[in-house]
Amino acid sequence: MRRTIIAVYDDIGIAEDVVEDLVQAGVDRSNIGFALHDPGSRGEKVEGTLTDDHIKVGEGAGFGAVVGGLTGLLIGLGALVIPGVGPILAAGPIASALGGTAVGAAAGAITGGLVGALTGLGVPEEEAGMYAEAVRRGGGLVTTTVHDDMIDKAVEIMHRHGPVDLESRVSQWRATGWERFDPNIDPFTAEELAKERQSNRLGTEARDYMPHSYDYEVD
């Protein structure tokens, strides 16, 4: 049996730490997925690994340094344009499911979008929409698909770094009128995304949330 474990992090540097710790624990890099909304990207520079200059377009030098570090940890980090989310950086199984590793694509060309990519990893459609909305709003999404002998270790690593309490976050969205992820809605602008990230950083929600895991396949 394999399971997909998934979590969202508001701090992109922490998401990088999670990926690094998973690799150090022995999780195969090809089984680690990553997705991050990058409004400075347009999906056109995707030649294997992204250059520092390209990465820095979205969030500045600090952001570029973090994502630049991820290029050494993840398989096929590249830029894509996703319906309802906009430009994202994606890697691993997520990038592959979105249309090929490190291959740029127009929004309308990706069947199923981010929700489809996550359901392919075993996540129920409704919950996949919640994760997609979290990415749309600036969260760093990390997934890992592991065998039975690595499940507890992977969960411990992802929990230790304080993932977003997704249920609490979704309740906040619903209080402002959000109902579900809509792939036809306009993506956040860079300014809207900055405000959303700032609001999340100022939040006071507890950080003892357990990452969810989902059956992926029976070997």
C-alpha atoms as a PDB file:
ATOM      1  CA  MET A   1       0.000   0.000   0.000  1.00  0.00           C
ATOM      2  CA  ARG A   2       1.117   3.528  -0.709  1.00  0.00           C
ATOM      3  CA  ARG A   3      -0.337   6.712   0.716  1.00  0.00           C
ATOM      4  CA  THR A   4      -0.179  10.326  -0.378  1.00  0.00           C
ATOM      5  CA  ILE A   5       0.470  12.758   2.467  1.00  0.00           C
ATOM      6  CA  ILE A   6      -0.300  16.397   1.818  1.00  0.00           C
ATOM      7  CA  ALA A   7       0.118  19.704   3.665  1.00  0.00           C
ATOM      8  CA  VAL A   8       0.103  23.457   3.013  1.00  0.00           C
ATOM      9  CA  TYR A   9       2.568  25.963   4.477  1.00  0.00           C
ATOM     10  CA  ASP A  10       2.214  29.746   4.586  1.00  0.00           C
ATOM     11  CA  ASP A  11       5.973  30.245   4.874  1.00  0.00           C
ATOM     12  CA  ILE A  12       7.700  29.164   1.668  1.00  0.00           C
ATOM     13  CA  GLY A  13      11.000  28.774   3.491  1.00  0.00           C
ATOM     14  CA  ILE A  14       9.351  26.238   5.795  1.00  0.00           C
ATOM     15  CA  ALA A  15       7.958  24.380   2.786  1.00  0.00           C
ATOM     16  CA  GLU A  16      11.542  24.130   1.512  1.00  0.00           C
ATOM     17  CA  ASP A  17      12.649  22.758   4.892  1.00  0.00           C
ATOM     18  CA  VAL A  18       9.913  20.123   4.703  1.00  0.00           C
ATOM     19  CA  VAL A  19      11.078  19.007   1.273  1.00  0.00           C
ATOM     20  CA  GLU A  20      14.703  18.884   2.409  1.00  0.00           C
ATOM     21  CA  ASP A  21      13.830  16.843   5.510  1.00  0.00           C
ATOM     22  CA  LEU A  22      11.802  14.382   3.440  1.00  0.00           C
ATOM     23  CA  VAL A  23      14.743  13.881   1.095  1.00  0.00           C
ATOM     24  CA  GLN A  24      17.132  13.461   4.021  1.00  0.00           C
ATOM     25  CA  ALA A  25      14.792  10.855   5.521  1.00  0.00           C
ATOM     26  CA  GLY A  26      15.080   8.796   2.364  1.00  0.00           C
ATOM     27  CA  VAL A  27      11.918   9.725   0.449  1.00  0.00           C
ATOM     28  CA  ASP A  28      12.579   9.431  -3.279  1.00  0.00           C
ATOM     29  CA  ARG A  29      12.636  12.909  -4.843  1.00  0.00           C
ATOM     30  CA  SER A  30      10.396  11.720  -7.657  1.00  0.00           C
ATOM     31  CA  ASN A  31       7.658  11.055  -5.078  1.00  0.00           C
ATOM     32  CA  ILE A  32       7.687  14.571  -3.641  1.00  0.00           C
ATOM     33  CA  GLY A  33       5.299  17.068  -5.204  1.00  0.00           C
ATOM     34  CA  PHE A  34       5.294  20.843  -4.847  1.00  0.00           C
ATOM     35  CA  ALA A  35       3.067  23.681  -6.050  1.00  0.00           C
ATOM     36  CA  LEU A  36       3.316  27.421  -5.416  1.00  0.00           C
ATOM     37  CA  HIS A  37       1.444  30.335  -6.976  1.00  0.00           C
ATOM     38  CA  ASP A  38       4.023  32.591  -8.650  1.00  0.00           C
ATOM     39  CA  PRO A  39       2.301  35.637 -10.192  1.00  0.00           C
ATOM     40  CA  GLY A  40       5.575  36.876 -11.673  1.00  0.00           C
ATOM     41  CA  SER A  41       5.862  33.785 -13.863  1.00  0.00           C
ATOM     42  CA  ARG A  42       4.039  33.307 -17.152  1.00  0.00           C
ATOM     43  CA  GLY A  43       4.906  29.686 -17.808  1.00  0.00           C
ATOM     44  CA  GLU A  44       7.256  30.446 -20.669  1.00  0.00           C
ATOM     45  CA  LYS A  45      10.676  29.702 -19.145  1.00  0.00           C
ATOM     46  CA  VAL A  46      10.672  26.029 -18.288  1.00  0.00           C
ATOM     47  CA  GLU A  47      13.862  24.466 -19.557  1.00  0.00           C
ATOM     48  CA  GLY A  48      14.444  21.917 -16.797  1.00  0.00           C
ATOM     49  CA  THR A  49      15.362  24.175 -13.892  1.00  0.00           C
ATOM     50  CA  LEU A  50      14.384  27.785 -13.544  1.00  0.00           C
ATOM     51  CA  THR A  51      17.072  30.453 -13.491  1.00  0.00           C
ATOM     52  CA  ASP A  52      17.431  32.658 -10.438  1.00  0.00           C
ATOM     53  CA  ASP A  53      16.476  35.714 -12.492  1.00  0.00           C
ATOM     54  CA  HIS A  54      13.231  34.094 -13.575  1.00  0.00           C
ATOM     55  CA  ILE A  55      12.357  32.901 -10.089  1.00  0.00           C
ATOM     56  CA  LYS A  56      13.020  36.341  -8.591  1.00  0.00           C
ATOM     57  CA  VAL A  57      10.451  37.989 -10.832  1.00  0.00           C
ATOM     58  CA  GLY A  58       7.625  36.774  -8.603  1.00  0.00           C
ATOM     59  CA  GLU A  59       8.639  37.655  -5.058  1.00  0.00           C
ATOM     60  CA  GLY A  60      12.088  39.208  -4.975  1.00  0.00           C
ATOM     61  CA  ALA A  61      15.522  37.965  -3.989  1.00  0.00           C
ATOM     62  CA  GLY A  62      14.487  36.123  -0.845  1.00  0.00           C
ATOM     63  CA  PHE A  63      11.819  34.181  -2.698  1.00  0.00           C
ATOM     64  CA  GLY A  64      14.298  33.385  -5.457  1.00  0.00           C
ATOM     65  CA  ALA A  65      16.833  32.025  -3.001  1.00  0.00           C
ATOM     66  CA  VAL A  66      14.294  29.639  -1.500  1.00  0.00           C
ATOM     67  CA  VAL A  67      12.954  28.338  -4.782  1.00  0.00           C
ATOM     68  CA  GLY A  68      16.475  28.200  -6.162  1.00  0.00           C
ATOM     69  CA  GLY A  69      17.274  25.808  -3.319  1.00  0.00           C
ATOM     70  CA  LEU A  70      14.325  23.659  -4.263  1.00  0.00           C
ATOM     71  CA  THR A  71      15.750  23.060  -7.736  1.00  0.00           C
ATOM     72  CA  GLY A  72      18.377  20.851  -6.119  1.00  0.00           C
ATOM     73  CA  LEU A  73      15.806  18.900  -4.121  1.00  0.00           C
ATOM     74  CA  LEU A  74      12.876  18.371  -6.477  1.00  0.00           C
ATOM     75  CA  ILE A  75      12.444  16.614  -9.795  1.00  0.00           C
ATOM     76  CA  GLY A  76      11.432  18.782 -12.738  1.00  0.00           C
ATOM     77  CA  LEU A  77      10.683  22.129 -11.083  1.00  0.00           C
ATOM     78  CA  GLY A  78       8.996  24.182 -13.770  1.00  0.00           C
ATOM     79  CA  ALA A  79       6.432  26.880 -14.493  1.00  0.00           C
ATOM     80  CA  LEU A  80       2.877  26.224 -15.597  1.00  0.00           C
ATOM     81  CA  VAL A  81      -0.327  28.239 -15.937  1.00  0.00           C
ATOM     82  CA  ILE A  82      -3.276  26.627 -14.168  1.00  0.00           C
ATOM     83  CA  PRO A  83      -6.996  27.435 -14.581  1.00  0.00           C
ATOM     84  CA  GLY A  84      -8.320  29.374 -11.587  1.00  0.00           C
ATOM     85  CA  VAL A  85      -4.869  29.656 -10.013  1.00  0.00           C
ATOM     86  CA  GLY A  86      -2.710  31.335 -12.623  1.00  0.00           C
ATOM     87  CA  PRO A  87       1.051  30.876 -12.977  1.00  0.00           C
ATOM     88  CA  ILE A  88       2.535  28.346 -10.588  1.00  0.00           C
ATOM     89  CA  LEU A  89       5.827  26.633  -9.929  1.00  0.00           C
ATOM     90  CA  ALA A  90       5.286  22.882  -9.761  1.00  0.00           C
ATOM     91  CA  ALA A  91       7.456  19.818  -9.349  1.00  0.00           C
ATOM     92  CA  GLY A  92       7.346  16.050  -9.018  1.00  0.00           C
ATOM     93  CA  PRO A  93       4.085  14.139  -9.470  1.00  0.00           C
ATOM     94  CA  ILE A  94       2.077  17.385  -9.497  1.00  0.00           C
ATOM     95  CA  ALA A  95       4.058  18.802 -12.413  1.00  0.00           C
ATOM     96  CA  SER A  96       3.855  15.511 -14.269  1.00  0.00           C
ATOM     97  CA  ALA A  97       0.085  15.332 -13.819  1.00  0.00           C
ATOM     98  CA  LEU A  98      -0.302  18.913 -14.991  1.00  0.00           C
ATOM     99  CA  GLY A  99       1.079  18.200 -18.414  1.00  0.00           C
ATOM    100  CA  GLY A 100       4.642  16.986 -18.173  1.00  0.00           C
ATOM    101  CA  THR A 101       7.675  17.793 -16.100  1.00  0.00           C
ATOM    102  CA  ALA A 102       8.986  21.300 -16.770  1.00  0.00           C
ATOM    103  CA  VAL A 103       6.688  21.930 -19.691  1.00  0.00           C
ATOM    104  CA  GLY A 104       4.910  25.264 -19.973  1.00  0.00           C
ATOM    105  CA  ALA A 105       1.257  25.226 -20.938  1.00  0.00           C
ATOM    106  CA  ALA A 106      -1.572  27.629 -21.652  1.00  0.00           C
ATOM    107  CA  ALA A 107      -4.323  27.637 -19.056  1.00  0.00           C
ATOM    108  CA  GLY A 108      -6.895  25.988 -21.265  1.00  0.00           C
ATOM    109  CA  ALA A 109      -4.550  23.185 -22.273  1.00  0.00           C
ATOM    110  CA  ILE A 110      -4.325  21.442 -18.900  1.00  0.00           C
ATOM    111  CA  THR A 111      -7.201  19.023 -18.464  1.00  0.00           C
ATOM    112  CA  GLY A 112      -8.393  18.869 -14.868  1.00  0.00           C
ATOM    113  CA  GLY A 113      -5.977  21.501 -13.575  1.00  0.00           C
ATOM    114  CA  LEU A 114      -4.591  21.303 -10.067  1.00  0.00           C
ATOM    115  CA  VAL A 115      -7.705  19.558  -8.727  1.00  0.00           C
ATOM    116  CA  GLY A 116      -7.276  16.819 -11.320  1.00  0.00           C
ATOM    117  CA  ALA A 117      -3.602  16.435 -10.442  1.00  0.00           C
ATOM    118  CA  LEU A 118      -4.426  15.971  -6.764  1.00  0.00           C
ATOM    119  CA  THR A 119      -7.291  13.553  -7.326  1.00  0.00           C
ATOM    120  CA  GLY A 120      -4.820  11.514  -9.364  1.00  0.00           C
ATOM    121  CA  LEU A 121      -2.750  11.233  -6.179  1.00  0.00           C
ATOM    122  CA  GLY A 122      -5.728   9.872  -4.254  1.00  0.00           C
ATOM    123  CA  VAL A 123      -7.188  13.086  -2.802  1.00  0.00           C
ATOM    124  CA  PRO A 124     -11.015  13.272  -2.888  1.00  0.00           C
ATOM    125  CA  GLU A 125     -12.263  15.934  -5.285  1.00  0.00           C
ATOM    126  CA  GLU A 126     -13.797  18.244  -2.659  1.00  0.00           C
ATOM    127  CA  GLU A 127     -10.619  18.260  -0.577  1.00  0.00           C
ATOM    128  CA  ALA A 128      -8.486  18.635  -3.707  1.00  0.00           C
ATOM    129  CA  GLY A 129     -10.428  21.832  -4.388  1.00  0.00           C
ATOM    130  CA  MET A 130      -9.541  23.112  -0.917  1.00  0.00           C
ATOM    131  CA  TYR A 131      -5.854  22.481  -1.517  1.00  0.00           C
ATOM    132  CA  ALA A 132      -6.082  24.131  -4.936  1.00  0.00           C
ATOM    133  CA  GLU A 133      -7.673  27.187  -3.337  1.00  0.00           C
ATOM    134  CA  ALA A 134      -4.871  27.282  -0.757  1.00  0.00           C
ATOM    135  CA  VAL A 135      -2.325  27.409  -3.589  1.00  0.00           C
ATOM    136  CA  ARG A 136      -4.392  30.064  -5.360  1.00  0.00           C
ATOM    137  CA  ARG A 137      -4.169  32.155  -2.181  1.00  0.00           C
ATOM    138  CA  GLY A 138      -0.399  31.827  -1.861  1.00  0.00           C
ATOM    139  CA  GLY A 139       0.229  28.650   0.132  1.00  0.00           C
ATOM    140  CA  GLY A 140       3.090  26.293  -0.595  1.00  0.00           C
ATOM    141  CA  LEU A 141       1.680  22.802  -1.212  1.00  0.00           C
ATOM    142  CA  VAL A 142       3.863  19.781  -0.446  1.00  0.00           C
ATOM    143  CA  THR A 143       2.873  16.189  -1.204  1.00  0.00           C
ATOM    144  CA  THR A 144       4.710  12.927  -0.754  1.00  0.00           C
ATOM    145  CA  THR A 145       3.678   9.439  -1.770  1.00  0.00           C
ATOM    146  CA  VAL A 146       5.304   6.724   0.317  1.00  0.00           C
ATOM    147  CA  HIS A 147       5.068   3.028   1.178  1.00  0.00           C
ATOM    148  CA  ASP A 148       3.839   1.733   4.544  1.00  0.00           C
ATOM    149  CA  ASP A 149       7.282   1.731   6.130  1.00  0.00           C
ATOM    150  CA  MET A 150       7.727   5.494   5.537  1.00  0.00           C
ATOM    151  CA  ILE A 151       4.219   6.785   6.289  1.00  0.00           C
ATOM    152  CA  ASP A 152       4.758   7.578   9.970  1.00  0.00           C
ATOM    153  CA  LYS A 153       8.104   9.269   9.320  1.00  0.00           C
ATOM    154  CA  ALA A 154       6.741  11.409   6.495  1.00  0.00           C
ATOM    155  CA  VAL A 155       3.715  12.455   8.558  1.00  0.00           C
ATOM    156  CA  GLU A 156       5.980  13.320  11.505  1.00  0.00           C
ATOM    157  CA  ILE A 157       8.209  15.510   9.324  1.00  0.00           C
ATOM    158  CA  MET A 158       5.317  17.364   7.711  1.00  0.00           C
ATOM    159  CA  HIS A 159       3.544  17.822  11.055  1.00  0.00           C
ATOM    160  CA  ARG A 160       6.681  19.020  12.842  1.00  0.00           C
ATOM    161  CA  HIS A 161       6.959  22.045  10.550  1.00  0.00           C
ATOM    162  CA  GLY A 162       3.504  23.395  11.420  1.00  0.00           C
ATOM    163  CA  PRO A 163       1.252  23.076   8.365  1.00  0.00           C
ATOM    164  CA  VAL A 164      -1.808  25.244   7.838  1.00  0.00           C
ATOM    165  CA  ASP A 165      -4.964  24.027   9.594  1.00  0.00           C
ATOM    166  CA  LEU A 166      -6.869  23.609   6.361  1.00  0.00           C
ATOM    167  CA  GLU A 167     -10.297  23.121   7.957  1.00  0.00           C
ATOM    168  CA  SER A 168      -9.886  26.340   9.947  1.00  0.00           C
ATOM    169  CA  ARG A 169      -8.634  28.204   6.884  1.00  0.00           C
ATOM    170  CA  VAL A 170     -11.554  26.976   4.766  1.00  0.00           C
ATOM    171  CA  SER A 171     -13.975  28.160   7.468  1.00  0.00           C
ATOM    172  CA  GLN A 172     -12.418  31.618   7.204  1.00  0.00           C
ATOM    173  CA  TRP A 173     -12.889  31.611   3.440  1.00  0.00           C
ATOM    174  CA  ARG A 174     -16.494  30.500   3.754  1.00  0.00           C
ATOM    175  CA  ALA A 175     -17.162  33.352   6.185  1.00  0.00           C
ATOM    176  CA  THR A 176     -16.274  35.746   3.366  1.00  0.00           C
ATOM    177  CA  GLY A 177     -18.493  34.022   0.806  1.00  0.00           C
ATOM    178  CA  TRP A 178     -16.197  31.372  -0.671  1.00  0.00           C
ATOM    179  CA  GLU A 179     -17.992  28.128  -1.581  1.00  0.00           C
ATOM    180  CA  ARG A 180     -15.630  25.996  -3.625  1.00  0.00           C
ATOM    181  CA  PHE A 181     -12.601  26.179  -5.889  1.00  0.00           C
ATOM    182  CA  ASP A 182     -13.632  27.647  -9.246  1.00  0.00           C
ATOM    183  CA  PRO A 183     -11.264  27.021 -12.176  1.00  0.00           C
ATOM    184  CA  ASN A 184     -13.047  29.745 -14.152  1.00  0.00           C
ATOM    185  CA  ILE A 185     -12.418  32.545 -11.674  1.00  0.00           C
ATOM    186  CA  ASP A 186      -9.735  35.171 -12.246  1.00  0.00           C
ATOM    187  CA  PRO A 187      -6.458  34.362 -10.453  1.00  0.00           C
ATOM    188  CA  PHE A 188      -5.268  36.666  -7.689  1.00  0.00           C
ATOM    189  CA  THR A 189      -3.163  39.595  -8.831  1.00  0.00           C
ATOM    190  CA  ALA A 190       0.281  40.005  -7.300  1.00  0.00           C
ATOM    191  CA  GLU A 191      -1.123  42.740  -5.032  1.00  0.00           C
ATOM    192  CA  GLU A 192      -4.060  40.607  -3.886  1.00  0.00           C
ATOM    193  CA  LEU A 193      -1.743  37.692  -3.264  1.00  0.00           C
ATOM    194  CA  ALA A 194       0.588  39.840  -1.163  1.00  0.00           C
ATOM    195  CA  LYS A 195      -2.363  40.967   0.987  1.00  0.00           C
ATOM    196  CA  GLU A 196      -3.574  37.389   1.394  1.00  0.00           C
ATOM    197  CA  ARG A 197      -0.124  36.178   2.445  1.00  0.00           C
ATOM    198  CA  GLN A 198       0.221  39.068   4.891  1.00  0.00           C
ATOM    199  CA  SER A 199      -3.173  38.253   6.401  1.00  0.00           C
ATOM    200  CA  ASN A 200      -2.160  34.607   6.794  1.00  0.00           C
ATOM    201  CA  ARG A 201       1.105  35.561   8.482  1.00  0.00           C
ATOM    202  CA  LEU A 202      -0.837  37.655  10.999  1.00  0.00           C
ATOM    203  CA  GLY A 203      -3.246  34.808  11.761  1.00  0.00           C
ATOM    204  CA  THR A 204      -3.347  33.238  15.190  1.00  0.00           C
ATOM    205  CA  GLU A 205      -4.518  29.722  14.340  1.00  0.00           C
ATOM    206  CA  ALA A 206      -2.831  26.858  16.167  1.00  0.00           C
ATOM    207  CA  ARG A 207      -0.027  25.056  14.354  1.00  0.00           C
ATOM    208  CA  ASP A 208      -0.619  21.527  15.603  1.00  0.00           C
ATOM    209  CA  TYR A 209      -2.462  20.338  12.533  1.00  0.00           C
ATOM    210  CA  MET A 210      -1.883  16.778  11.340  1.00  0.00           C
ATOM    211  CA  PRO A 211      -1.289  16.429   7.598  1.00  0.00           C
ATOM    212  CA  HIS A 212      -3.942  14.354   5.860  1.00  0.00           C
ATOM    213  CA  SER A 213      -3.065  11.130   4.075  1.00  0.00           C
ATOM    214  CA  TYR A 214      -4.924   9.303   1.322  1.00  0.00           C
ATOM    215  CA  ASP A 215      -4.776   5.844  -0.217  1.00  0.00           C
ATOM    216  CA  TYR A 216      -2.881   6.084  -3.468  1.00  0.00           C
ATOM    217  CA  GLU A 217      -2.637   2.566  -4.785  1.00  0.00           C
ATOM    218  CA  VAL A 218      -2.251  -1.076  -3.775  1.00  0.00           C
ATOM    219  CA  ASP A 219       1.066  -2.503  -4.941  1.00  0.00           C
END
